[in-house]
PDB file of N, CA and C in Angstrom:
ATOM      1  N   MET A   1      19.907  49.343  -6.469  1.00  0.00           N
ATOM      2  CA  MET A   1      18.980  48.842  -5.478  1.00  0.00           C
ATOM      3  C   MET A   1      18.001  47.833  -6.090  1.00  0.00           C
ATOM      4  N   ALA A   2      17.508  48.127  -7.311  1.00  0.00           N
ATOM      5  CA  ALA A   2      16.565  47.244  -7.972  1.00  0.00           C
ATOM      6  C   ALA A   2      17.209  45.887  -8.270  1.00  0.00           C
ATOM      7  N   GLU A   3      18.514  45.904  -8.549  1.00  0.00           N
ATOM      8  CA  GLU A   3      19.218  44.651  -8.824  1.00  0.00           C
ATOM      9  C   GLU A   3      19.243  43.763  -7.588  1.00  0.00           C
ATOM     10  N   ASN A   4      19.439  44.340  -6.409  1.00  0.00           N
ATOM     11  CA  ASN A   4      19.428  43.580  -5.155  1.00  0.00           C
ATOM     12  C   ASN A   4      18.054  42.963  -4.905  1.00  0.00           C
ATOM     13  N   VAL A   5      17.015  43.725  -5.186  1.00  0.00           N
ATOM     14  CA  VAL A   5      15.649  43.214  -5.011  1.00  0.00           C
ATOM     15  C   VAL A   5      15.414  42.060  -5.980  1.00  0.00           C
ATOM     16  N   ASP A   6      15.863  42.207  -7.217  1.00  0.00           N
ATOM     17  CA  ASP A   6      15.719  41.130  -8.205  1.00  0.00           C
ATOM     18  C   ASP A   6      16.448  39.873  -7.739  1.00  0.00           C
ATOM     19  N   ASN A   7      17.655  40.035  -7.207  1.00  0.00           N
ATOM     20  CA  ASN A   7      18.426  38.888  -6.725  1.00  0.00           C
ATOM     21  C   ASN A   7      17.723  38.208  -5.553  1.00  0.00           C
ATOM     22  N   LEU A   8      17.153  38.986  -4.646  1.00  0.00           N
ATOM     23  CA  LEU A   8      16.426  38.412  -3.511  1.00  0.00           C
ATOM     24  C   LEU A   8      15.202  37.626  -3.990  1.00  0.00           C
ATOM     25  N   ILE A   9      14.494  38.190  -4.933  1.00  0.00           N
ATOM     26  CA  ILE A   9      13.308  37.513  -5.463  1.00  0.00           C
ATOM     27  C   ILE A   9      13.714  36.219  -6.167  1.00  0.00           C
ATOM     28  N   LEU A  10      14.759  36.273  -6.976  1.00  0.00           N
ATOM     29  CA  LEU A  10      15.219  35.071  -7.674  1.00  0.00           C
ATOM     30  C   LEU A  10      15.687  33.993  -6.694  1.00  0.00           C
ATOM     31  N   GLU A  11      16.348  34.412  -5.627  1.00  0.00           N
ATOM     32  CA  GLU A  11      16.807  33.467  -4.606  1.00  0.00           C
ATOM     33  C   GLU A  11      15.610  32.793  -3.923  1.00  0.00           C
ATOM     34  N   GLN A  12      14.594  33.573  -3.590  1.00  0.00           N
ATOM     35  CA  GLN A  12      13.394  33.015  -2.963  1.00  0.00           C
ATOM     36  C   GLN A  12      12.680  32.048  -3.915  1.00  0.00           C
ATOM     37  N   LEU A  13      12.598  32.424  -5.177  1.00  0.00           N
ATOM     38  CA  LEU A  13      11.975  31.530  -6.161  1.00  0.00           C
ATOM     39  C   LEU A  13      12.756  30.224  -6.303  1.00  0.00           C
ATOM     40  N   ARG A  14      14.074  30.291  -6.252  1.00  0.00           N
ATOM     41  CA  ARG A  14      14.909  29.095  -6.329  1.00  0.00           C
ATOM     42  C   ARG A  14      14.642  28.188  -5.128  1.00  0.00           C
ATOM     43  N   LEU A  15      14.536  28.775  -3.941  1.00  0.00           N
ATOM     44  CA  LEU A  15      14.259  27.989  -2.736  1.00  0.00           C
ATOM     45  C   LEU A  15      12.873  27.336  -2.792  1.00  0.00           C
ATOM     46  N   ILE A  16      11.903  28.087  -3.304  1.00  0.00           N
ATOM     47  CA  ILE A  16      10.551  27.550  -3.447  1.00  0.00           C
ATOM     48  C   ILE A  16      10.559  26.377  -4.425  1.00  0.00           C
ATOM     49  N   ARG A  17      11.293  26.510  -5.530  1.00  0.00           N
ATOM     50  CA  ARG A  17      11.386  25.444  -6.521  1.00  0.00           C
ATOM     51  C   ARG A  17      12.012  24.189  -5.899  1.00  0.00           C
ATOM     52  N   GLU A  18      13.043  24.371  -5.078  1.00  0.00           N
ATOM     53  CA  GLU A  18      13.671  23.229  -4.403  1.00  0.00           C
ATOM     54  C   GLU A  18      12.684  22.546  -3.452  1.00  0.00           C
ATOM     55  N   ASP A  19      11.911  23.351  -2.725  1.00  0.00           N
ATOM     56  CA  ASP A  19      10.913  22.788  -1.810  1.00  0.00           C
ATOM     57  C   ASP A  19       9.875  21.971  -2.577  1.00  0.00           C
ATOM     58  N   PHE A  20       9.409  22.495  -3.696  1.00  0.00           N
ATOM     59  CA  PHE A  20       8.443  21.759  -4.505  1.00  0.00           C
ATOM     60  C   PHE A  20       9.040  20.461  -5.022  1.00  0.00           C
ATOM     61  N   GLY A  21      10.308  20.479  -5.364  1.00  0.00           N
ATOM     62  CA  GLY A  21      10.978  19.255  -5.820  1.00  0.00           C
ATOM     63  C   GLY A  21      11.004  18.200  -4.728  1.00  0.00           C
ATOM     64  N   ARG A  22      11.292  18.609  -3.499  1.00  0.00           N
ATOM     65  CA  ARG A  22      11.301  17.666  -2.381  1.00  0.00           C
ATOM     66  C   ARG A  22       9.890  17.134  -2.106  1.00  0.00           C
ATOM     67  N   ILE A  23       8.896  18.010  -2.169  1.00  0.00           N
ATOM     68  CA  ILE A  23       7.507  17.591  -1.939  1.00  0.00           C
ATOM     69  C   ILE A  23       7.078  16.606  -3.015  1.00  0.00           C
ATOM     70  N   ASP A  24       7.435  16.878  -4.253  1.00  0.00           N
ATOM     71  CA  ASP A  24       7.087  15.987  -5.363  1.00  0.00           C
ATOM     72  C   ASP A  24       7.705  14.607  -5.156  1.00  0.00           C
ATOM     73  N   LYS A  25       8.952  14.555  -4.711  1.00  0.00           N
ATOM     74  CA  LYS A  25       9.622  13.276  -4.450  1.00  0.00           C
ATOM     75  C   LYS A  25       8.914  12.529  -3.328  1.00  0.00           C
ATOM     76  N   ARG A  26       8.489  13.240  -2.291  1.00  0.00           N
ATOM     77  CA  ARG A  26       7.780  12.586  -1.185  1.00  0.00           C
ATOM     78  C   ARG A  26       6.471  11.967  -1.669  1.00  0.00           C
ATOM     79  N   PHE A  27       5.748  12.680  -2.532  1.00  0.00           N
ATOM     80  CA  PHE A  27       4.496  12.134  -3.063  1.00  0.00           C
ATOM     81  C   PHE A  27       4.759  10.909  -3.922  1.00  0.00           C
ATOM     82  N   ASP A  28       5.827  10.923  -4.695  1.00  0.00           N
ATOM     83  CA  ASP A  28       6.179   9.751  -5.499  1.00  0.00           C
ATOM     84  C   ASP A  28       6.483   8.556  -4.598  1.00  0.00           C
ATOM     85  N   ASP A  29       7.252   8.787  -3.528  1.00  0.00           N
ATOM     86  CA  ASP A  29       7.573   7.724  -2.579  1.00  0.00           C
ATOM     87  C   ASP A  29       6.307   7.201  -1.908  1.00  0.00           C
ATOM     88  N   LEU A  30       5.405   8.100  -1.538  1.00  0.00           N
ATOM     89  CA  LEU A  30       4.157   7.716  -0.890  1.00  0.00           C
ATOM     90  C   LEU A  30       3.291   6.887  -1.838  1.00  0.00           C
ATOM     91  N   GLU A  31       3.236   7.289  -3.090  1.00  0.00           N
ATOM     92  CA  GLU A  31       2.446   6.553  -4.083  1.00  0.00           C
ATOM     93  C   GLU A  31       2.991   5.138  -4.255  1.00  0.00           C
ATOM     94  N   THR A  32       4.308   4.997  -4.261  1.00  0.00           N
ATOM     95  CA  THR A  32       4.935   3.679  -4.376  1.00  0.00           C
ATOM     96  C   THR A  32       4.566   2.807  -3.181  1.00  0.00           C
ATOM     97  N   LYS A  33       4.604   3.396  -1.978  1.00  0.00           N
ATOM     98  CA  LYS A  33       4.262   2.641  -0.770  1.00  0.00           C
ATOM     99  C   LYS A  33       2.799   2.214  -0.778  1.00  0.00           C
ATOM    100  N   VAL A  34       1.920   3.082  -1.247  1.00  0.00           N
ATOM    101  CA  VAL A  34       0.494   2.736  -1.323  1.00  0.00           C
ATOM    102  C   VAL A  34       0.295   1.571  -2.292  1.00  0.00           C
ATOM    103  N   ASP A  35       0.991   1.597  -3.427  1.00  0.00           N
ATOM    104  CA  ASP A  35       0.903   0.492  -4.392  1.00  0.00           C
ATOM    105  C   ASP A  35       1.395  -0.815  -3.770  1.00  0.00           C
ATOM    106  N   GLU A  36       2.490  -0.747  -2.995  1.00  0.00           N
ATOM    107  CA  GLU A  36       3.022  -1.941  -2.341  1.00  0.00           C
ATOM    108  C   GLU A  36       2.032  -2.481  -1.316  1.00  0.00           C
ATOM    109  N   LEU A  37       1.397  -1.599  -0.569  1.00  0.00           N
ATOM    110  CA  LEU A  37       0.411  -2.035   0.421  1.00  0.00           C
ATOM    111  C   LEU A  37      -0.782  -2.696  -0.251  1.00  0.00           C
ATOM    112  N   GLY A  38      -1.194  -2.162  -1.386  1.00  0.00           N
ATOM    113  CA  GLY A  38      -2.295  -2.771  -2.129  1.00  0.00           C
ATOM    114  C   GLY A  38      -1.951  -4.179  -2.578  1.00  0.00           C
ATOM    115  N   ALA A  39      -0.734  -4.361  -3.059  1.00  0.00           N
ATOM    116  CA  ALA A  39      -0.295  -5.691  -3.501  1.00  0.00           C
ATOM    117  C   ALA A  39      -0.245  -6.655  -2.322  1.00  0.00           C
ATOM    118  N   ARG A  40       0.239  -6.175  -1.186  1.00  0.00           N
ATOM    119  CA  ARG A  40       0.285  -7.024   0.008  1.00  0.00           C
ATOM    120  C   ARG A  40      -1.113  -7.402   0.467  1.00  0.00           C
ATOM    121  N   ALA A  41      -2.039  -6.467   0.402  1.00  0.00           N
ATOM    122  CA  ALA A  41      -3.419  -6.738   0.810  1.00  0.00           C
ATOM    123  C   ALA A  41      -4.025  -7.811  -0.091  1.00  0.00           C
ATOM    124  N   GLN A  42      -3.779  -7.726  -1.392  1.00  0.00           N
ATOM    125  CA  GLN A  42      -4.291  -8.741  -2.314  1.00  0.00           C
ATOM    126  C   GLN A  42      -3.676 -10.103  -2.021  1.00  0.00           C
ATOM    127  N   SER A  43      -2.396 -10.121  -1.709  1.00  0.00           N
ATOM    128  CA  SER A  43      -1.715 -11.374  -1.395  1.00  0.00           C
ATOM    129  C   SER A  43      -2.301 -11.988  -0.129  1.00  0.00           C
ATOM    130  N   THR A  44      -2.506 -11.170   0.879  1.00  0.00           N
ATOM    131  CA  THR A  44      -3.088 -11.656   2.132  1.00  0.00           C
ATOM    132  C   THR A  44      -4.499 -12.169   1.906  1.00  0.00           C
ATOM    133  N   GLU A  45      -5.254 -11.472   1.085  1.00  0.00           N
ATOM    134  CA  GLU A  45      -6.615 -11.907   0.763  1.00  0.00           C
ATOM    135  C   GLU A  45      -6.593 -13.275   0.096  1.00  0.00           C
ATOM    136  N   GLY A  46      -5.653 -13.504  -0.795  1.00  0.00           N
ATOM    137  CA  GLY A  46      -5.528 -14.795  -1.462  1.00  0.00           C
ATOM    138  C   GLY A  46      -5.201 -15.912  -0.482  1.00  0.00           C
ATOM    139  N   VAL A  47      -4.300 -15.632   0.452  1.00  0.00           N
ATOM    140  CA  VAL A  47      -3.938 -16.639   1.457  1.00  0.00           C
ATOM    141  C   VAL A  47      -5.153 -16.971   2.320  1.00  0.00           C
ATOM    142  N   LEU A  48      -5.878 -15.952   2.751  1.00  0.00           N
ATOM    143  CA  LEU A  48      -7.058 -16.188   3.584  1.00  0.00           C
ATOM    144  C   LEU A  48      -8.124 -16.973   2.824  1.00  0.00           C
ATOM    145  N   PHE A  49      -8.304 -16.666   1.558  1.00  0.00           N
ATOM    146  CA  PHE A  49      -9.267 -17.401   0.736  1.00  0.00           C
ATOM    147  C   PHE A  49      -8.858 -18.870   0.644  1.00  0.00           C
ATOM    148  N   GLY A  50      -7.573 -19.118   0.446  1.00  0.00           N
ATOM    149  CA  GLY A  50      -7.069 -20.489   0.379  1.00  0.00           C
ATOM    150  C   GLY A  50      -7.272 -21.232   1.694  1.00  0.00           C
ATOM    151  N   LEU A  51      -6.990 -20.574   2.809  1.00  0.00           N
ATOM    152  CA  LEU A  51      -7.197 -21.196   4.118  1.00  0.00           C
ATOM    153  C   LEU A  51      -8.665 -21.509   4.355  1.00  0.00           C
ATOM    154  N   GLY A  52      -9.534 -20.603   3.902  1.00  0.00           N
ATOM    155  CA  GLY A  52     -10.971 -20.848   4.041  1.00  0.00           C
ATOM    156  C   GLY A  52     -11.393 -22.113   3.316  1.00  0.00           C
ATOM    157  N   GLY A  53     -10.855 -22.315   2.121  1.00  0.00           N
ATOM    158  CA  GLY A  53     -11.151 -23.526   1.368  1.00  0.00           C
ATOM    159  C   GLY A  53     -10.631 -24.770   2.067  1.00  0.00           C
ATOM    160  N   TYR A  54      -9.449 -24.663   2.642  1.00  0.00           N
ATOM    161  CA  TYR A  54      -8.862 -25.793   3.361  1.00  0.00           C
ATOM    162  C   TYR A  54      -9.708 -26.146   4.584  1.00  0.00           C
ATOM    163  N   ILE A  55     -10.142 -25.154   5.326  1.00  0.00           N
ATOM    164  CA  ILE A  55     -10.982 -25.380   6.507  1.00  0.00           C
ATOM    165  C   ILE A  55     -12.326 -25.986   6.092  1.00  0.00           C
ATOM    166  N   ARG A  56     -12.898 -25.500   5.005  1.00  0.00           N
ATOM    167  CA  ARG A  56     -14.153 -26.055   4.504  1.00  0.00           C
ATOM    168  C   ARG A  56     -13.982 -27.536   4.171  1.00  0.00           C
ATOM    169  N   SER A  57     -12.855 -27.891   3.560  1.00  0.00           N
ATOM    170  CA  SER A  57     -12.576 -29.284   3.209  1.00  0.00           C
ATOM    171  C   SER A  57     -12.487 -30.151   4.470  1.00  0.00           C
ATOM    172  N   ILE A  58     -11.812 -29.667   5.492  1.00  0.00           N
ATOM    173  CA  ILE A  58     -11.711 -30.403   6.762  1.00  0.00           C
ATOM    174  C   ILE A  58     -13.095 -30.575   7.374  1.00  0.00           C
ATOM    175  N   ASP A  59     -13.906 -29.522   7.341  1.00  0.00           N
ATOM    176  CA  ASP A  59     -15.259 -29.579   7.897  1.00  0.00           C
ATOM    177  C   ASP A  59     -16.092 -30.636   7.176  1.00  0.00           C
ATOM    178  N   GLU A  60     -15.971 -30.709   5.855  1.00  0.00           N
ATOM    179  CA  GLU A  60     -16.711 -31.716   5.087  1.00  0.00           C
ATOM    180  C   GLU A  60     -16.255 -33.124   5.453  1.00  0.00           C
ATOM    181  N   ARG A  61     -14.963 -33.311   5.659  1.00  0.00           N
ATOM    182  CA  ARG A  61     -14.442 -34.626   6.052  1.00  0.00           C
ATOM    183  C   ARG A  61     -14.972 -35.043   7.420  1.00  0.00           C
ATOM    184  N   VAL A  62     -14.973 -34.109   8.354  1.00  0.00           N
ATOM    185  CA  VAL A  62     -15.487 -34.399   9.699  1.00  0.00           C
ATOM    186  C   VAL A  62     -16.966 -34.760   9.625  1.00  0.00           C
ATOM    187  N   GLU A  63     -17.737 -34.003   8.845  1.00  0.00           N
ATOM    188  CA  GLU A  63     -19.161 -34.317   8.693  1.00  0.00           C
ATOM    189  C   GLU A  63     -19.348 -35.707   8.084  1.00  0.00           C
ATOM    190  N   HIS A  64     -18.515 -36.068   7.127  1.00  0.00           N
ATOM    191  CA  HIS A  64     -18.593 -37.391   6.503  1.00  0.00           C
ATOM    192  C   HIS A  64     -18.315 -38.479   7.543  1.00  0.00           C
ATOM    193  N   ILE A  65     -17.289 -38.282   8.347  1.00  0.00           N
ATOM    194  CA  ILE A  65     -16.937 -39.253   9.399  1.00  0.00           C
ATOM    195  C   ILE A  65     -18.087 -39.352  10.408  1.00  0.00           C
ATOM    196  N   GLU A  66     -18.671 -38.199  10.788  1.00  0.00           N
ATOM    197  CA  GLU A  66     -19.787 -38.216  11.743  1.00  0.00           C
ATOM    198  C   GLU A  66     -20.965 -38.995  11.181  1.00  0.00           C
ATOM    199  N   ARG A  67     -21.257 -38.812   9.875  1.00  0.00           N
ATOM    200  CA  ARG A  67     -22.353 -39.564   9.260  1.00  0.00           C
ATOM    201  C   ARG A  67     -22.073 -41.064   9.284  1.00  0.00           C
ATOM    202  N   LYS A  68     -20.817 -41.424   8.992  1.00  0.00           N
ATOM    203  CA  LYS A  68     -20.450 -42.852   8.987  1.00  0.00           C
ATOM    204  C   LYS A  68     -20.576 -43.460  10.385  1.00  0.00           C
ATOM    205  N   LEU A  69     -20.229 -42.646  11.398  1.00  0.00           N
ATOM    206  CA  LEU A  69     -20.289 -43.148  12.769  1.00  0.00           C
ATOM    207  C   LEU A  69     -21.694 -43.029  13.364  1.00  0.00           C
ATOM    208  N   GLY A  70     -22.572 -42.302  12.651  1.00  0.00           N
ATOM    209  CA  GLY A  70     -23.935 -42.123  13.144  1.00  0.00           C
ATOM    210  C   GLY A  70     -24.021 -41.126  14.292  1.00  0.00           C
ATOM    211  N   ILE A  71     -23.125 -40.161  14.296  1.00  0.00           N
ATOM    212  CA  ILE A  71     -23.097 -39.140  15.361  1.00  0.00           C
ATOM    213  C   ILE A  71     -24.002 -37.994  15.004  1.00  0.00           C
TER     214      ILE A  71
END
């Protein structure tokens, strides 16, 4: 009888270990996705910064033209 109980306990421990393995893999996948999102956010920030500079340049040109025209 004790052997059956030992086998049941070992089987449950094996299942728990498998569950932890799956959970660990999910966390690894999630961490990878978070890193990718961070990289994308930095890339988007760079593009927006560049566009801001371009718009500022256009604004300066328009102001220069307005000064020349006396507007």
